[in-house]
C-alpha atoms as a PDB file:
ATOM      1  CA  MET A   1      59.746  -3.846  58.136  1.00  0.00           C
ATOM      2  CA  SER A   2      63.018  -4.023  56.469  1.00  0.00           C
ATOM      3  CA  PRO A   3      64.343  -1.387  54.074  1.00  0.00           C
ATOM      4  CA  ALA A   4      63.933  -4.012  51.102  1.00  0.00           C
ATOM      5  CA  GLU A   5      60.180  -4.645  52.171  1.00  0.00           C
ATOM      6  CA  GLU A   6      59.950  -0.698  52.676  1.00  0.00           C
ATOM      7  CA  LEU A   7      61.346   0.019  49.189  1.00  0.00           C
ATOM      8  CA  GLU A   8      58.918  -3.059  47.660  1.00  0.00           C
ATOM      9  CA  ALA A   9      56.176  -1.736  49.401  1.00  0.00           C
ATOM     10  CA  LEU A  10      56.830   1.803  47.780  1.00  0.00           C
ATOM     11  CA  GLU A  11      57.434   0.777  44.427  1.00  0.00           C
ATOM     12  CA  SER A  12      53.989  -1.397  44.492  1.00  0.00           C
ATOM     13  CA  ALA A  13      52.095   1.856  45.668  1.00  0.00           C
ATOM     14  CA  LEU A  14      53.798   3.804  43.112  1.00  0.00           C
ATOM     15  CA  LEU A  15      53.177   1.354  40.168  1.00  0.00           C
ATOM     16  CA  ARG A  16      49.410   1.559  41.536  1.00  0.00           C
ATOM     17  CA  LEU A  17      49.545   5.103  41.012  1.00  0.00           C
ATOM     18  CA  LEU A  18      50.373   5.181  37.270  1.00  0.00           C
ATOM     19  CA  PRO A  19      48.094   6.193  34.500  1.00  0.00           C
ATOM     20  CA  THR A  20      46.811   3.140  32.863  1.00  0.00           C
ATOM     21  CA  ALA A  21      45.617   5.427  29.655  1.00  0.00           C
ATOM     22  CA  PRO A  22      46.878   7.809  27.459  1.00  0.00           C
ATOM     23  CA  PRO A  23      46.501  12.022  28.244  1.00  0.00           C
ATOM     24  CA  THR A  24      43.833  13.509  26.493  1.00  0.00           C
ATOM     25  CA  THR A  25      44.606  15.705  23.759  1.00  0.00           C
ATOM     26  CA  THR A  26      41.510  17.226  23.469  1.00  0.00           C
ATOM     27  CA  GLY A  27      39.938  20.120  25.182  1.00  0.00           C
ATOM     28  CA  PRO A  28      40.793  23.636  26.576  1.00  0.00           C
ATOM     29  CA  PRO A  29      44.244  24.254  25.611  1.00  0.00           C
ATOM     30  CA  ALA A  30      45.191  25.107  29.108  1.00  0.00           C
ATOM     31  CA  GLU A  31      43.562  21.748  30.671  1.00  0.00           C
ATOM     32  CA  VAL A  32      45.710  19.788  27.670  1.00  0.00           C
ATOM     33  CA  ALA A  33      49.014  21.582  28.550  1.00  0.00           C
ATOM     34  CA  ALA A  34      48.323  20.659  32.280  1.00  0.00           C
ATOM     35  CA  GLU A  35      47.575  16.771  31.402  1.00  0.00           C
ATOM     36  CA  ALA A  36      50.762  16.917  29.144  1.00  0.00           C
ATOM     37  CA  GLY A  37      52.849  18.356  32.227  1.00  0.00           C
ATOM     38  CA  ARG A  38      51.400  15.538  34.315  1.00  0.00           C
ATOM     39  CA  TRP A  39      52.157  12.852  31.781  1.00  0.00           C
ATOM     40  CA  GLU A  40      55.732  13.921  31.653  1.00  0.00           C
ATOM     41  CA  ALA A  41      56.142  13.597  35.505  1.00  0.00           C
ATOM     42  CA  TRP A  42      54.548  10.281  35.684  1.00  0.00           C
ATOM     43  CA  GLN A  43      56.949   9.107  32.521  1.00  0.00           C
ATOM     44  CA  GLN A  44      59.600  10.151  34.756  1.00  0.00           C
ATOM     45  CA  VAL A  45      58.239   8.170  37.690  1.00  0.00           C
ATOM     46  CA  ALA A  46      57.509   5.089  35.638  1.00  0.00           C
ATOM     47  CA  HIS A  47      61.275   5.204  33.835  1.00  0.00           C
ATOM     48  CA  VAL A  48      62.445   5.154  37.787  1.00  0.00           C
ATOM     49  CA  LEU A  49      60.190   2.044  38.238  1.00  0.00           C
ATOM     50  CA  GLY A  50      61.395   0.380  35.008  1.00  0.00           C
ATOM     51  CA  VAL A  51      57.928   0.583  33.016  1.00  0.00           C
ATOM     52  CA  ARG A  52      56.209   2.539  30.257  1.00  0.00           C
ATOM     53  CA  LEU A  53      53.005   4.451  30.205  1.00  0.00           C
ATOM     54  CA  PRO A  54      50.212   3.806  29.605  1.00  0.00           C
ATOM     55  CA  TYR A  55      50.725   1.611  32.566  1.00  0.00           C
ATOM     56  CA  VAL A  56      49.026  -2.169  32.063  1.00  0.00           C
ATOM     57  CA  VAL A  57      48.641  -3.917  35.195  1.00  0.00           C
ATOM     58  CA  PRO A  58      49.629  -7.426  35.427  1.00  0.00           C
ATOM     59  CA  LEU A  59      46.906  -9.650  36.243  1.00  0.00           C
ATOM     60  CA  ASP A  60      48.725 -11.136  39.307  1.00  0.00           C
ATOM     61  CA  GLU A  61      49.525  -7.708  40.386  1.00  0.00           C
ATOM     62  CA  GLU A  62      46.006  -6.399  40.382  1.00  0.00           C
ATOM     63  CA  PRO A  63      45.421  -4.488  44.155  1.00  0.00           C
ATOM     64  CA  VAL A  64      42.964  -5.538  45.817  1.00  0.00           C
ATOM     65  CA  PRO A  65      40.237  -2.982  46.677  1.00  0.00           C
ATOM     66  CA  TYR A  66      39.894  -1.912  50.395  1.00  0.00           C
ATOM     67  CA  ALA A  67      42.264  -4.462  51.557  1.00  0.00           C
ATOM     68  CA  LEU A  68      43.804  -3.016  55.070  1.00  0.00           C
ATOM     69  CA  THR A  69      47.790  -3.354  54.692  1.00  0.00           C
ATOM     70  CA  PRO A  70      50.705  -2.333  57.674  1.00  0.00           C
ATOM     71  CA  GLU A  71      51.830   0.258  54.680  1.00  0.00           C
ATOM     72  CA  ALA A  72      49.493   2.921  56.018  1.00  0.00           C
ATOM     73  CA  HIS A  73      52.204   5.842  55.601  1.00  0.00           C
ATOM     74  CA  ILE A  74      52.888   4.785  51.862  1.00  0.00           C
ATOM     75  CA  ALA A  75      49.091   5.305  51.348  1.00  0.00           C
ATOM     76  CA  ALA A  76      49.491   8.725  53.024  1.00  0.00           C
ATOM     77  CA  ALA A  77      52.833   9.174  50.716  1.00  0.00           C
ATOM     78  CA  ALA A  78      50.697   8.271  47.469  1.00  0.00           C
ATOM     79  CA  ALA A  79      47.648  10.611  48.363  1.00  0.00           C
ATOM     80  CA  ARG A  80      50.336  13.219  48.597  1.00  0.00           C
ATOM     81  CA  LEU A  81      51.784  12.472  45.456  1.00  0.00           C
ATOM     82  CA  ARG A  82      48.428  12.696  43.566  1.00  0.00           C
ATOM     83  CA  GLY A  83      47.781  15.896  45.161  1.00  0.00           C
ATOM     84  CA  LEU A  84      51.024  17.302  43.613  1.00  0.00           C
ATOM     85  CA  LEU A  85      50.265  15.632  40.486  1.00  0.00           C
ATOM     86  CA  ALA A  86      46.213  16.590  40.291  1.00  0.00           C
ATOM     87  CA  PRO A  87      45.212  19.430  38.262  1.00  0.00           C
ATOM     88  CA  SER A  88      45.308  22.815  39.997  1.00  0.00           C
ATOM     89  CA  GLY A  89      41.742  22.969  41.842  1.00  0.00           C
ATOM     90  CA  ALA A  90      41.073  19.292  41.497  1.00  0.00           C
ATOM     91  CA  ARG A  91      40.668  16.799  44.299  1.00  0.00           C
ATOM     92  CA  PRO A  92      42.702  13.545  43.881  1.00  0.00           C
END
């Protein structure tokens, strides 16, 4: 896979991770604050990718569920990123 193809695959994987709904603003203050912190991190990722949050998935980019791809290492990296951005104690 060429470097350009790797970057495109990584960008596609990150776009699939972006939140598609606004952050929650109700609930326990600690959870609302944690959600706001995660939203800030995702906003930075979205900015680098050149999109806005909440992310609207274009119909032609809708991911195919359970498709086998050669980018398994990207899926692992995406899972690690989900783990970093998940609320403490929650599973990604």
